[in-house]
Protein backbone atom coordinates (compact mmCIF):
# COMPACT_ATOMS: atom_id res chain seq x y z
CA MET A 1 -6.18 -8.16 -3.36
CA SER A 2 -9.17 -6.19 -3.42
CA ARG A 3 -7.12 -3.02 -2.96
CA LEU A 4 -4.98 -3.96 -5.92
CA ARG A 5 -8.13 -4.42 -7.89
CA HIS A 6 -9.49 -1.02 -6.79
CA LEU A 7 -5.73 0.54 -7.69
CA LEU A 8 -6.24 -0.98 -11.46
CA ALA A 9 -9.73 0.47 -11.48
CA LEU A 10 -8.23 4.01 -10.55
CA CYS A 11 -5.68 3.60 -13.05
CA LEU A 12 -8.22 2.38 -15.80
CA LEU A 13 -10.66 5.16 -14.98
CA PRO A 14 -8.34 8.29 -13.79
CA ARG A 15 -10.72 11.04 -13.20
CA ASP A 16 -8.40 13.37 -11.69
CA GLU A 17 -4.66 12.80 -11.94
CA ARG A 18 -4.01 14.71 -8.65
CA ALA A 19 -6.54 12.44 -6.75
CA LEU A 20 -4.85 9.30 -8.31
CA LEU A 21 -1.57 10.33 -7.25
CA GLN A 22 -2.71 11.19 -3.70
CA HIS A 23 -4.23 7.56 -3.70
CA LEU A 24 -1.11 6.21 -4.86
CA ARG A 25 1.06 8.10 -2.10
CA HIS A 26 -1.43 7.12 0.51
CA LEU A 27 -0.95 3.22 -0.64
CA ALA A 28 2.74 3.52 -0.46
CA GLU A 29 2.63 4.98 3.15
CA ALA A 30 0.24 2.10 4.36
CA ASP A 31 2.50 -0.54 2.76
CA ARG A 32 5.66 1.13 4.31
CA ARG A 33 3.96 0.99 7.89
CA PHE A 34 2.74 -2.69 7.49
CA ILE A 35 6.33 -3.71 6.11
CA LEU A 36 7.95 -1.76 9.34
CA ARG A 37 5.59 -3.61 11.60
CA ALA A 38 6.28 -7.02 9.97
CA VAL A 39 9.98 -6.26 10.46
CA ALA A 40 9.42 -5.63 13.85
CA ALA A 41 7.53 -8.73 14.66
CA LEU A 42 10.11 -10.81 12.80
CA ALA A 43 12.76 -9.06 15.12
CA GLN A 44 10.93 -9.74 18.19
CA HIS A 45 10.20 -13.46 17.24
CA PRO A 46 13.13 -14.72 14.94
CA ALA A 47 12.71 -18.11 13.15
CA ALA A 48 14.62 -20.96 14.50
């Protein structure tokens, strides 16, 4: 949740558009890694 708040603060106060885009790209990569890990964990332990 703090990550979302941080992102909103960056969107409201964009000092450097390029830095903002880099930050968004970094968040997207982190989210993709998190989703892939979650899918792998679910595949190993399927719900009954």
